[in-house]
Amino acid sequence: MTAFFTAMERVFADRNLAVEAVWLAGGAGPGQPVRLIRKAPDAITPFGAARILSDTTTVDASVAEMPSPAPGDRILIGTDGFTIQGEPIRDRERLVWTLDLQPE
């Protein structure tokens, strides 16, 4: 176990930084509880000569808790449902997934 792994475990356990969620692999099933760090950066998409500003929803998830997320999997955060869109991306240390979510 590396120092970075230990630090990431503490970050995901912090109630001020991470939220409780349920991961539904394949979009259905009983679900697995996970902790996520929510992010909502704005995205600027060029469209011809215009630039379109849009909201996005992304989350970071621990690879230890969520070993194999895939496009189409569902994430439930409280009463809000999301679908993973696009391929999940791992960080350099291979400890954290970044997931792009689409609201249901």
PDB file of N, CA and C in Angstrom:
ATOM      1  N   MET A   1       0.841  -1.171   0.000  1.00  0.00           N
ATOM      2  CA  MET A   1       0.000   0.000   0.000  1.00  0.00           C
ATOM      3  C   MET A   1       0.896   1.248   0.000  1.00  0.00           C
ATOM      4  N   THR A   2       0.652   2.143  -0.926  1.00  0.00           N
ATOM      5  CA  THR A   2       1.454   3.356  -1.019  1.00  0.00           C
ATOM      6  C   THR A   2       0.855   4.470  -0.163  1.00  0.00           C
ATOM      7  N   ALA A   3       1.646   5.494   0.083  1.00  0.00           N
ATOM      8  CA  ALA A   3       1.161   6.652   0.832  1.00  0.00           C
ATOM      9  C   ALA A   3       0.029   7.331   0.065  1.00  0.00           C
ATOM     10  N   PHE A   4       0.140   7.349  -1.267  1.00  0.00           N
ATOM     11  CA  PHE A   4      -0.915   7.975  -2.075  1.00  0.00           C
ATOM     12  C   PHE A   4      -2.224   7.203  -1.936  1.00  0.00           C
ATOM     13  N   PHE A   5      -2.156   5.871  -1.928  1.00  0.00           N
ATOM     14  CA  PHE A   5      -3.355   5.046  -1.758  1.00  0.00           C
ATOM     15  C   PHE A   5      -4.016   5.341  -0.420  1.00  0.00           C
ATOM     16  N   THR A   6      -3.215   5.423   0.637  1.00  0.00           N
ATOM     17  CA  THR A   6      -3.742   5.719   1.970  1.00  0.00           C
ATOM     18  C   THR A   6      -4.402   7.092   2.001  1.00  0.00           C
ATOM     19  N   ALA A   7      -3.775   8.075   1.364  1.00  0.00           N
ATOM     20  CA  ALA A   7      -4.349   9.426   1.315  1.00  0.00           C
ATOM     21  C   ALA A   7      -5.672   9.422   0.553  1.00  0.00           C
ATOM     22  N   MET A   8      -5.737   8.708  -0.555  1.00  0.00           N
ATOM     23  CA  MET A   8      -6.969   8.660  -1.344  1.00  0.00           C
ATOM     24  C   MET A   8      -8.096   7.985  -0.563  1.00  0.00           C
ATOM     25  N   GLU A   9      -7.782   6.947   0.211  1.00  0.00           N
ATOM     26  CA  GLU A   9      -8.798   6.311   1.045  1.00  0.00           C
ATOM     27  C   GLU A   9      -9.391   7.315   2.023  1.00  0.00           C
ATOM     28  N   ARG A  10      -8.555   8.142   2.601  1.00  0.00           N
ATOM     29  CA  ARG A  10      -9.033   9.153   3.557  1.00  0.00           C
ATOM     30  C   ARG A  10      -9.884  10.212   2.869  1.00  0.00           C
ATOM     31  N   VAL A  11      -9.484  10.610   1.678  1.00  0.00           N
ATOM     32  CA  VAL A  11     -10.268  11.605   0.941  1.00  0.00           C
ATOM     33  C   VAL A  11     -11.658  11.054   0.636  1.00  0.00           C
ATOM     34  N   PHE A  12     -11.740   9.831   0.154  1.00  0.00           N
ATOM     35  CA  PHE A  12     -13.045   9.249  -0.179  1.00  0.00           C
ATOM     36  C   PHE A  12     -13.883   8.961   1.063  1.00  0.00           C
ATOM     37  N   ALA A  13     -13.264   8.795   2.224  1.00  0.00           N
ATOM     38  CA  ALA A  13     -14.003   8.559   3.464  1.00  0.00           C
ATOM     39  C   ALA A  13     -14.516   9.858   4.081  1.00  0.00           C
ATOM     40  N   ASP A  14     -13.966  11.002   3.676  1.00  0.00           N
ATOM     41  CA  ASP A  14     -14.341  12.291   4.257  1.00  0.00           C
ATOM     42  C   ASP A  14     -15.756  12.670   3.823  1.00  0.00           C
ATOM     43  N   ARG A  15     -16.645  12.899   4.795  1.00  0.00           N
ATOM     44  CA  ARG A  15     -18.044  13.239   4.487  1.00  0.00           C
ATOM     45  C   ARG A  15     -18.189  14.610   3.841  1.00  0.00           C
ATOM     46  N   ASN A  16     -17.178  15.473   4.004  1.00  0.00           N
ATOM     47  CA  ASN A  16     -17.227  16.806   3.401  1.00  0.00           C
ATOM     48  C   ASN A  16     -16.819  16.802   1.930  1.00  0.00           C
ATOM     49  N   LEU A  17     -16.092  15.780   1.513  1.00  0.00           N
ATOM     50  CA  LEU A  17     -15.592  15.726   0.140  1.00  0.00           C
ATOM     51  C   LEU A  17     -16.323  14.714  -0.737  1.00  0.00           C
ATOM     52  N   ALA A  18     -16.721  13.602  -0.156  1.00  0.00           N
ATOM     53  CA  ALA A  18     -17.313  12.515  -0.942  1.00  0.00           C
ATOM     54  C   ALA A  18     -18.759  12.268  -0.524  1.00  0.00           C
ATOM     55  N   VAL A  19     -19.538  11.727  -1.460  1.00  0.00           N
ATOM     56  CA  VAL A  19     -20.936  11.397  -1.198  1.00  0.00           C
ATOM     57  C   VAL A  19     -21.151   9.892  -1.353  1.00  0.00           C
ATOM     58  N   GLU A  20     -22.169   9.392  -0.664  1.00  0.00           N
ATOM     59  CA  GLU A  20     -22.527   7.990  -0.811  1.00  0.00           C
ATOM     60  C   GLU A  20     -23.348   7.822  -2.076  1.00  0.00           C
ATOM     61  N   ALA A  21     -23.111   6.727  -2.777  1.00  0.00           N
ATOM     62  CA  ALA A  21     -23.825   6.449  -4.021  1.00  0.00           C
ATOM     63  C   ALA A  21     -23.968   4.941  -4.173  1.00  0.00           C
ATOM     64  N   VAL A  22     -24.712   4.541  -5.189  1.00  0.00           N
ATOM     65  CA  VAL A  22     -24.877   3.123  -5.516  1.00  0.00           C
ATOM     66  C   VAL A  22     -24.501   2.947  -6.979  1.00  0.00           C
ATOM     67  N   TRP A  23     -23.635   1.991  -7.254  1.00  0.00           N
ATOM     68  CA  TRP A  23     -23.183   1.665  -8.612  1.00  0.00           C
ATOM     69  C   TRP A  23     -23.949   0.429  -9.076  1.00  0.00           C
ATOM     70  N   LEU A  24     -24.632   0.552 -10.217  1.00  0.00           N
ATOM     71  CA  LEU A  24     -25.376  -0.558 -10.810  1.00  0.00           C
ATOM     72  C   LEU A  24     -24.657  -0.988 -12.083  1.00  0.00           C
ATOM     73  N   ALA A  25     -23.790  -1.990 -11.960  1.00  0.00           N
ATOM     74  CA  ALA A  25     -23.046  -2.490 -13.115  1.00  0.00           C
ATOM     75  C   ALA A  25     -24.023  -3.047 -14.136  1.00  0.00           C
ATOM     76  N   GLY A  26     -23.859  -2.683 -15.393  1.00  0.00           N
ATOM     77  CA  GLY A  26     -24.767  -3.130 -16.439  1.00  0.00           C
ATOM     78  C   GLY A  26     -26.101  -2.394 -16.414  1.00  0.00           C
ATOM     79  N   GLY A  27     -26.250  -1.448 -15.504  1.00  0.00           N
ATOM     80  CA  GLY A  27     -27.470  -0.649 -15.437  1.00  0.00           C
ATOM     81  C   GLY A  27     -28.568  -1.229 -14.572  1.00  0.00           C
ATOM     82  N   ALA A  28     -28.364  -2.428 -14.024  1.00  0.00           N
ATOM     83  CA  ALA A  28     -29.401  -3.064 -13.211  1.00  0.00           C
ATOM     84  C   ALA A  28     -28.746  -3.904 -12.124  1.00  0.00           C
ATOM     85  N   GLY A  29     -29.564  -4.586 -11.379  1.00  0.00           N
ATOM     86  CA  GLY A  29     -29.042  -5.468 -10.339  1.00  0.00           C
ATOM     87  C   GLY A  29     -29.164  -4.837  -8.968  1.00  0.00           C
ATOM     88  N   PRO A  30     -28.627  -5.518  -7.963  1.00  0.00           N
ATOM     89  CA  PRO A  30     -28.786  -5.042  -6.596  1.00  0.00           C
ATOM     90  C   PRO A  30     -27.979  -3.779  -6.295  1.00  0.00           C
ATOM     91  N   GLY A  31     -26.916  -3.552  -6.991  1.00  0.00           N
ATOM     92  CA  GLY A  31     -26.104  -2.359  -6.780  1.00  0.00           C
ATOM     93  C   GLY A  31     -25.055  -2.559  -5.705  1.00  0.00           C
ATOM     94  N   GLN A  32     -24.010  -1.763  -5.794  1.00  0.00           N
ATOM     95  CA  GLN A  32     -22.899  -1.819  -4.853  1.00  0.00           C
ATOM     96  C   GLN A  32     -22.683  -0.421  -4.291  1.00  0.00           C
ATOM     97  N   PRO A  33     -22.659  -0.269  -2.964  1.00  0.00           N
ATOM     98  CA  PRO A  33     -22.411   1.058  -2.395  1.00  0.00           C
ATOM     99  C   PRO A  33     -20.982   1.521  -2.684  1.00  0.00           C
ATOM    100  N   VAL A  34     -20.853   2.775  -3.061  1.00  0.00           N
ATOM    101  CA  VAL A  34     -19.548   3.384  -3.342  1.00  0.00           C
ATOM    102  C   VAL A  34     -19.561   4.820  -2.815  1.00  0.00           C
ATOM    103  N   ARG A  35     -18.386   5.415  -2.710  1.00  0.00           N
ATOM    104  CA  ARG A  35     -18.275   6.828  -2.352  1.00  0.00           C
ATOM    105  C   ARG A  35     -17.656   7.540  -3.545  1.00  0.00           C
ATOM    106  N   LEU A  36     -18.220   8.697  -3.876  1.00  0.00           N
ATOM    107  CA  LEU A  36     -17.798   9.449  -5.056  1.00  0.00           C
ATOM    108  C   LEU A  36     -17.501  10.890  -4.690  1.00  0.00           C
ATOM    109  N   ILE A  37     -16.593  11.491  -5.439  1.00  0.00           N
ATOM    110  CA  ILE A  37     -16.339  12.926  -5.322  1.00  0.00           C
ATOM    111  C   ILE A  37     -16.967  13.570  -6.549  1.00  0.00           C
ATOM    112  N   ARG A  38     -17.976  14.414  -6.305  1.00  0.00           N
ATOM    113  CA  ARG A  38     -18.711  15.051  -7.405  1.00  0.00           C
ATOM    114  C   ARG A  38     -17.962  16.272  -7.916  1.00  0.00           C
ATOM    115  N   LYS A  39     -18.007  16.430  -9.236  1.00  0.00           N
ATOM    116  CA  LYS A  39     -17.452  17.615  -9.892  1.00  0.00           C
ATOM    117  C   LYS A  39     -18.452  18.044 -10.957  1.00  0.00           C
ATOM    118  N   ALA A  40     -18.524  19.323 -11.218  1.00  0.00           N
ATOM    119  CA  ALA A  40     -19.445  19.823 -12.242  1.00  0.00           C
ATOM    120  C   ALA A  40     -18.779  20.954 -13.021  1.00  0.00           C
ATOM    121  N   PRO A  41     -17.715  20.636 -13.757  1.00  0.00           N
ATOM    122  CA  PRO A  41     -17.046  21.692 -14.521  1.00  0.00           C
ATOM    123  C   PRO A  41     -17.868  22.099 -15.739  1.00  0.00           C
ATOM    124  N   ASP A  42     -17.731  23.356 -16.130  1.00  0.00           N
ATOM    125  CA  ASP A  42     -18.335  23.805 -17.378  1.00  0.00           C
ATOM    126  C   ASP A  42     -17.474  23.311 -18.536  1.00  0.00           C
ATOM    127  N   ALA A  43     -18.104  22.991 -19.631  1.00  0.00           N
ATOM    128  CA  ALA A  43     -17.387  22.561 -20.835  1.00  0.00           C
ATOM    129  C   ALA A  43     -17.678  23.554 -21.956  1.00  0.00           C
ATOM    130  N   ILE A  44     -16.643  23.905 -22.698  1.00  0.00           N
ATOM    131  CA  ILE A  44     -16.799  24.783 -23.853  1.00  0.00           C
ATOM    132  C   ILE A  44     -16.578  23.941 -25.098  1.00  0.00           C
ATOM    133  N   THR A  45     -17.598  23.891 -25.929  1.00  0.00           N
ATOM    134  CA  THR A  45     -17.548  23.096 -27.154  1.00  0.00           C
ATOM    135  C   THR A  45     -17.586  24.024 -28.354  1.00  0.00           C
ATOM    136  N   PRO A  46     -16.559  23.963 -29.218  1.00  0.00           N
ATOM    137  CA  PRO A  46     -16.602  24.794 -30.419  1.00  0.00           C
ATOM    138  C   PRO A  46     -17.626  24.248 -31.413  1.00  0.00           C
ATOM    139  N   PHE A  47     -18.366  25.160 -32.029  1.00  0.00           N
ATOM    140  CA  PHE A  47     -19.357  24.781 -33.035  1.00  0.00           C
ATOM    141  C   PHE A  47     -19.294  25.844 -34.123  1.00  0.00           C
ATOM    142  N   GLY A  48     -18.549  25.551 -35.164  1.00  0.00           N
ATOM    143  CA  GLY A  48     -18.319  26.556 -36.206  1.00  0.00           C
ATOM    144  C   GLY A  48     -17.569  27.728 -35.601  1.00  0.00           C
ATOM    145  N   ALA A  49     -18.102  28.935 -35.766  1.00  0.00           N
ATOM    146  CA  ALA A  49     -17.469  30.121 -35.196  1.00  0.00           C
ATOM    147  C   ALA A  49     -17.937  30.380 -33.761  1.00  0.00           C
ATOM    148  N   ALA A  50     -18.910  29.619 -33.292  1.00  0.00           N
ATOM    149  CA  ALA A  50     -19.456  29.823 -31.948  1.00  0.00           C
ATOM    150  C   ALA A  50     -18.796  28.882 -30.951  1.00  0.00           C
ATOM    151  N   ARG A  51     -18.923  29.249 -29.695  1.00  0.00           N
ATOM    152  CA  ARG A  51     -18.478  28.385 -28.606  1.00  0.00           C
ATOM    153  C   ARG A  51     -19.672  28.194 -27.676  1.00  0.00           C
ATOM    154  N   ILE A  52     -20.009  26.943 -27.409  1.00  0.00           N
ATOM    155  CA  ILE A  52     -21.176  26.631 -26.599  1.00  0.00           C
ATOM    156  C   ILE A  52     -20.712  26.225 -25.205  1.00  0.00           C
ATOM    157  N   LEU A  53     -21.233  26.885 -24.189  1.00  0.00           N
ATOM    158  CA  LEU A  53     -20.921  26.584 -22.803  1.00  0.00           C
ATOM    159  C   LEU A  53     -22.010  25.673 -22.249  1.00  0.00           C
ATOM    160  N   SER A  54     -21.614  24.546 -21.668  1.00  0.00           N
ATOM    161  CA  SER A  54     -22.604  23.623 -21.117  1.00  0.00           C
ATOM    162  C   SER A  54     -22.122  23.060 -19.787  1.00  0.00           C
ATOM    163  N   ASP A  55     -23.093  22.706 -18.947  1.00  0.00           N
ATOM    164  CA  ASP A  55     -22.787  22.060 -17.679  1.00  0.00           C
ATOM    165  C   ASP A  55     -22.407  20.607 -17.937  1.00  0.00           C
ATOM    166  N   THR A  56     -21.527  20.080 -17.107  1.00  0.00           N
ATOM    167  CA  THR A  56     -21.203  18.660 -17.168  1.00  0.00           C
ATOM    168  C   THR A  56     -21.274  18.097 -15.760  1.00  0.00           C
ATOM    169  N   THR A  57     -21.398  16.807 -15.655  1.00  0.00           N
ATOM    170  CA  THR A  57     -21.359  16.132 -14.359  1.00  0.00           C
ATOM    171  C   THR A  57     -20.328  15.027 -14.454  1.00  0.00           C
ATOM    172  N   THR A  58     -19.304  15.132 -13.638  1.00  0.00           N
ATOM    173  CA  THR A  58     -18.297  14.084 -13.561  1.00  0.00           C
ATOM    174  C   THR A  58     -18.102  13.721 -12.096  1.00  0.00           C
ATOM    175  N   VAL A  59     -17.606  12.528 -11.871  1.00  0.00           N
ATOM    176  CA  VAL A  59     -17.295  12.077 -10.519  1.00  0.00           C
ATOM    177  C   VAL A  59     -15.972  11.336 -10.538  1.00  0.00           C
ATOM    178  N   ASP A  60     -15.311  11.354  -9.401  1.00  0.00           N
ATOM    179  CA  ASP A  60     -14.140  10.511  -9.192  1.00  0.00           C
ATOM    180  C   ASP A  60     -14.573   9.359  -8.309  1.00  0.00           C
ATOM    181  N   ALA A  61     -14.096   8.159  -8.626  1.00  0.00           N
ATOM    182  CA  ALA A  61     -14.432   6.955  -7.871  1.00  0.00           C
ATOM    183  C   ALA A  61     -13.164   6.170  -7.597  1.00  0.00           C
ATOM    184  N   SER A  62     -13.099   5.552  -6.450  1.00  0.00           N
ATOM    185  CA  SER A  62     -11.958   4.727  -6.090  1.00  0.00           C
ATOM    186  C   SER A  62     -11.985   3.419  -6.894  1.00  0.00           C
ATOM    187  N   VAL A  63     -10.852   3.072  -7.497  1.00  0.00           N
ATOM    188  CA  VAL A  63     -10.753   1.815  -8.245  1.00  0.00           C
ATOM    189  C   VAL A  63     -10.965   0.630  -7.305  1.00  0.00           C
ATOM    190  N   ALA A  64     -10.551   0.776  -6.035  1.00  0.00           N
ATOM    191  CA  ALA A  64     -10.732  -0.305  -5.065  1.00  0.00           C
ATOM    192  C   ALA A  64     -12.216  -0.602  -4.832  1.00  0.00           C
ATOM    193  N   GLU A  65     -13.077   0.431  -4.844  1.00  0.00           N
ATOM    194  CA  GLU A  65     -14.513   0.236  -4.636  1.00  0.00           C
ATOM    195  C   GLU A  65     -15.263  -0.080  -5.927  1.00  0.00           C
ATOM    196  N   MET A  66     -14.765   0.431  -7.026  1.00  0.00           N
ATOM    197  CA  MET A  66     -15.443   0.287  -8.318  1.00  0.00           C
ATOM    198  C   MET A  66     -14.407  -0.210  -9.331  1.00  0.00           C
ATOM    199  N   PRO A  67     -14.149  -1.523  -9.354  1.00  0.00           N
ATOM    200  CA  PRO A  67     -13.048  -2.034 -10.169  1.00  0.00           C
ATOM    201  C   PRO A  67     -13.247  -1.973 -11.681  1.00  0.00           C
ATOM    202  N   SER A  68     -14.486  -2.026 -12.152  1.00  0.00           N
ATOM    203  CA  SER A  68     -14.674  -2.107 -13.606  1.00  0.00           C
ATOM    204  C   SER A  68     -15.914  -1.362 -14.087  1.00  0.00           C
ATOM    205  N   PRO A  69     -15.960  -0.032 -13.914  1.00  0.00           N
ATOM    206  CA  PRO A  69     -17.110   0.701 -14.456  1.00  0.00           C
ATOM    207  C   PRO A  69     -17.079   0.688 -15.979  1.00  0.00           C
ATOM    208  N   ALA A  70     -18.252   0.807 -16.578  1.00  0.00           N
ATOM    209  CA  ALA A  70     -18.334   0.768 -18.039  1.00  0.00           C
ATOM    210  C   ALA A  70     -19.451   1.694 -18.515  1.00  0.00           C
ATOM    211  N   PRO A  71     -19.362   2.144 -19.765  1.00  0.00           N
ATOM    212  CA  PRO A  71     -20.454   2.943 -20.319  1.00  0.00           C
ATOM    213  C   PRO A  71     -21.769   2.173 -20.209  1.00  0.00           C
ATOM    214  N   GLY A  72     -22.813   2.880 -19.803  1.00  0.00           N
ATOM    215  CA  GLY A  72     -24.121   2.251 -19.637  1.00  0.00           C
ATOM    216  C   GLY A  72     -24.424   1.862 -18.202  1.00  0.00           C
ATOM    217  N   ASP A  73     -23.398   1.751 -17.359  1.00  0.00           N
ATOM    218  CA  ASP A  73     -23.642   1.488 -15.945  1.00  0.00           C
ATOM    219  C   ASP A  73     -24.390   2.675 -15.353  1.00  0.00           C
ATOM    220  N   ARG A  74     -25.161   2.419 -14.315  1.00  0.00           N
ATOM    221  CA  ARG A  74     -25.913   3.494 -13.656  1.00  0.00           C
ATOM    222  C   ARG A  74     -25.290   3.827 -12.312  1.00  0.00           C
ATOM    223  N   ILE A  75     -25.420   5.096 -11.933  1.00  0.00           N
ATOM    224  CA  ILE A  75     -24.978   5.594 -10.633  1.00  0.00           C
ATOM    225  C   ILE A  75     -26.175   6.298 -10.005  1.00  0.00           C
ATOM    226  N   LEU A  76     -26.495   5.947  -8.766  1.00  0.00           N
ATOM    227  CA  LEU A  76     -27.563   6.611  -8.032  1.00  0.00           C
ATOM    228  C   LEU A  76     -26.935   7.397  -6.887  1.00  0.00           C
ATOM    229  N   ILE A  77     -27.177   8.701  -6.881  1.00  0.00           N
ATOM    230  CA  ILE A  77     -26.700   9.568  -5.811  1.00  0.00           C
ATOM    231  C   ILE A  77     -27.945  10.173  -5.180  1.00  0.00           C
ATOM    232  N   GLY A  78     -28.293   9.667  -4.017  1.00  0.00           N
ATOM    233  CA  GLY A  78     -29.557  10.083  -3.397  1.00  0.00           C
ATOM    234  C   GLY A  78     -30.709   9.674  -4.299  1.00  0.00           C
ATOM    235  N   THR A  79     -31.544  10.637  -4.680  1.00  0.00           N
ATOM    236  CA  THR A  79     -32.673  10.347  -5.569  1.00  0.00           C
ATOM    237  C   THR A  79     -32.343  10.623  -7.032  1.00  0.00           C
ATOM    238  N   ASP A  80     -31.114  11.069  -7.309  1.00  0.00           N
ATOM    239  CA  ASP A  80     -30.708  11.389  -8.677  1.00  0.00           C
ATOM    240  C   ASP A  80     -30.050  10.185  -9.339  1.00  0.00           C
ATOM    241  N   GLY A  81     -30.482   9.885 -10.569  1.00  0.00           N
ATOM    242  CA  GLY A  81     -29.905   8.796 -11.336  1.00  0.00           C
ATOM    243  C   GLY A  81     -29.065   9.317 -12.490  1.00  0.00           C
ATOM    244  N   PHE A  82     -27.955   8.633 -12.763  1.00  0.00           N
ATOM    245  CA  PHE A  82     -27.046   9.015 -13.841  1.00  0.00           C
ATOM    246  C   PHE A  82     -26.606   7.763 -14.588  1.00  0.00           C
ATOM    247  N   THR A  83     -26.238   7.934 -15.848  1.00  0.00           N
ATOM    248  CA  THR A  83     -25.676   6.866 -16.659  1.00  0.00           C
ATOM    249  C   THR A  83     -24.251   7.248 -17.025  1.00  0.00           C
ATOM    250  N   ILE A  84     -23.326   6.296 -16.907  1.00  0.00           N
ATOM    251  CA  ILE A  84     -21.942   6.555 -17.310  1.00  0.00           C
ATOM    252  C   ILE A  84     -21.907   6.639 -18.826  1.00  0.00           C
ATOM    253  N   GLN A  85     -21.355   7.736 -19.337  1.00  0.00           N
ATOM    254  CA  GLN A  85     -21.210   7.875 -20.791  1.00  0.00           C
ATOM    255  C   GLN A  85     -19.724   8.000 -21.101  1.00  0.00           C
ATOM    256  N   GLY A  86     -19.318   7.408 -22.187  1.00  0.00           N
ATOM    257  CA  GLY A  86     -17.905   7.424 -22.546  1.00  0.00           C
ATOM    258  C   GLY A  86     -17.112   6.458 -21.690  1.00  0.00           C
ATOM    259  N   GLU A  87     -15.863   6.285 -22.052  1.00  0.00           N
ATOM    260  CA  GLU A  87     -15.002   5.354 -21.326  1.00  0.00           C
ATOM    261  C   GLU A  87     -14.481   5.976 -20.037  1.00  0.00           C
ATOM    262  N   PRO A  88     -14.534   5.247 -18.925  1.00  0.00           N
ATOM    263  CA  PRO A  88     -13.932   5.732 -17.688  1.00  0.00           C
ATOM    264  C   PRO A  88     -12.416   5.913 -17.867  1.00  0.00           C
ATOM    265  N   ILE A  89     -11.854   6.896 -17.186  1.00  0.00           N
ATOM    266  CA  ILE A  89     -10.427   7.204 -17.301  1.00  0.00           C
ATOM    267  C   ILE A  89      -9.790   7.082 -15.921  1.00  0.00           C
ATOM    268  N   ARG A  90      -8.664   6.340 -15.835  1.00  0.00           N
ATOM    269  CA  ARG A  90      -7.947   6.204 -14.562  1.00  0.00           C
ATOM    270  C   ARG A  90      -6.824   7.221 -14.466  1.00  0.00           C
ATOM    271  N   ASP A  91      -6.501   7.583 -13.235  1.00  0.00           N
ATOM    272  CA  ASP A  91      -5.401   8.506 -13.008  1.00  0.00           C
ATOM    273  C   ASP A  91      -4.060   7.804 -13.209  1.00  0.00           C
ATOM    274  N   ARG A  92      -2.991   8.561 -13.110  1.00  0.00           N
ATOM    275  CA  ARG A  92      -1.654   8.030 -13.354  1.00  0.00           C
ATOM    276  C   ARG A  92      -1.292   6.890 -12.421  1.00  0.00           C
ATOM    277  N   GLU A  93      -1.731   6.976 -11.170  1.00  0.00           N
ATOM    278  CA  GLU A  93      -1.423   5.947 -10.176  1.00  0.00           C
ATOM    279  C   GLU A  93      -2.346   4.737 -10.281  1.00  0.00           C
ATOM    280  N   ARG A  94      -3.366   4.821 -11.143  1.00  0.00           N
ATOM    281  CA  ARG A  94      -4.339   3.744 -11.366  1.00  0.00           C
ATOM    282  C   ARG A  94      -5.185   3.461 -10.125  1.00  0.00           C
ATOM    283  N   LEU A  95      -5.470   4.529  -9.346  1.00  0.00           N
ATOM    284  CA  LEU A  95      -6.237   4.385  -8.116  1.00  0.00           C
ATOM    285  C   LEU A  95      -7.607   5.028  -8.174  1.00  0.00           C
ATOM    286  N   VAL A  96      -7.811   5.967  -9.115  1.00  0.00           N
ATOM    287  CA  VAL A  96      -9.047   6.736  -9.176  1.00  0.00           C
ATOM    288  C   VAL A  96      -9.590   6.764 -10.605  1.00  0.00           C
ATOM    289  N   TRP A  97     -10.863   6.463 -10.748  1.00  0.00           N
ATOM    290  CA  TRP A  97     -11.562   6.605 -12.027  1.00  0.00           C
ATOM    291  C   TRP A  97     -12.164   7.999 -12.097  1.00  0.00           C
ATOM    292  N   THR A  98     -12.180   8.601 -13.277  1.00  0.00           N
ATOM    293  CA  THR A  98     -12.995   9.778 -13.554  1.00  0.00           C
ATOM    294  C   THR A  98     -14.076   9.324 -14.521  1.00  0.00           C
ATOM    295  N   LEU A  99     -15.334   9.558 -14.112  1.00  0.00           N
ATOM    296  CA  LEU A  99     -16.482   9.091 -14.882  1.00  0.00           C
ATOM    297  C   LEU A  99     -17.298  10.284 -15.351  1.00  0.00           C
ATOM    298  N   ASP A 100     -17.661  10.291 -16.621  1.00  0.00           N
ATOM    299  CA  ASP A 100     -18.527  11.317 -17.190  1.00  0.00           C
ATOM    300  C   ASP A 100     -19.956  10.794 -17.094  1.00  0.00           C
ATOM    301  N   LEU A 101     -20.818  11.552 -16.420  1.00  0.00           N
ATOM    302  CA  LEU A 101     -22.195  11.086 -16.183  1.00  0.00           C
ATOM    303  C   LEU A 101     -23.203  11.900 -16.967  1.00  0.00           C
ATOM    304  N   GLN A 102     -24.256  11.234 -17.363  1.00  0.00           N
ATOM    305  CA  GLN A 102     -25.388  11.888 -18.019  1.00  0.00           C
ATOM    306  C   GLN A 102     -26.611  11.704 -17.123  1.00  0.00           C
ATOM    307  N   PRO A 103     -27.281  12.807 -16.748  1.00  0.00           N
ATOM    308  CA  PRO A 103     -28.485  12.650 -15.910  1.00  0.00           C
ATOM    309  C   PRO A 103     -29.549  11.841 -16.626  1.00  0.00           C
ATOM    310  N   GLU A 104     -30.313  11.089 -15.856  1.00  0.00           N
ATOM    311  CA  GLU A 104     -31.395  10.278 -16.442  1.00  0.00           C
ATOM    312  C   GLU A 104     -32.670  11.092 -16.522  1.00  0.00           C
TER     313      GLU A 104
END
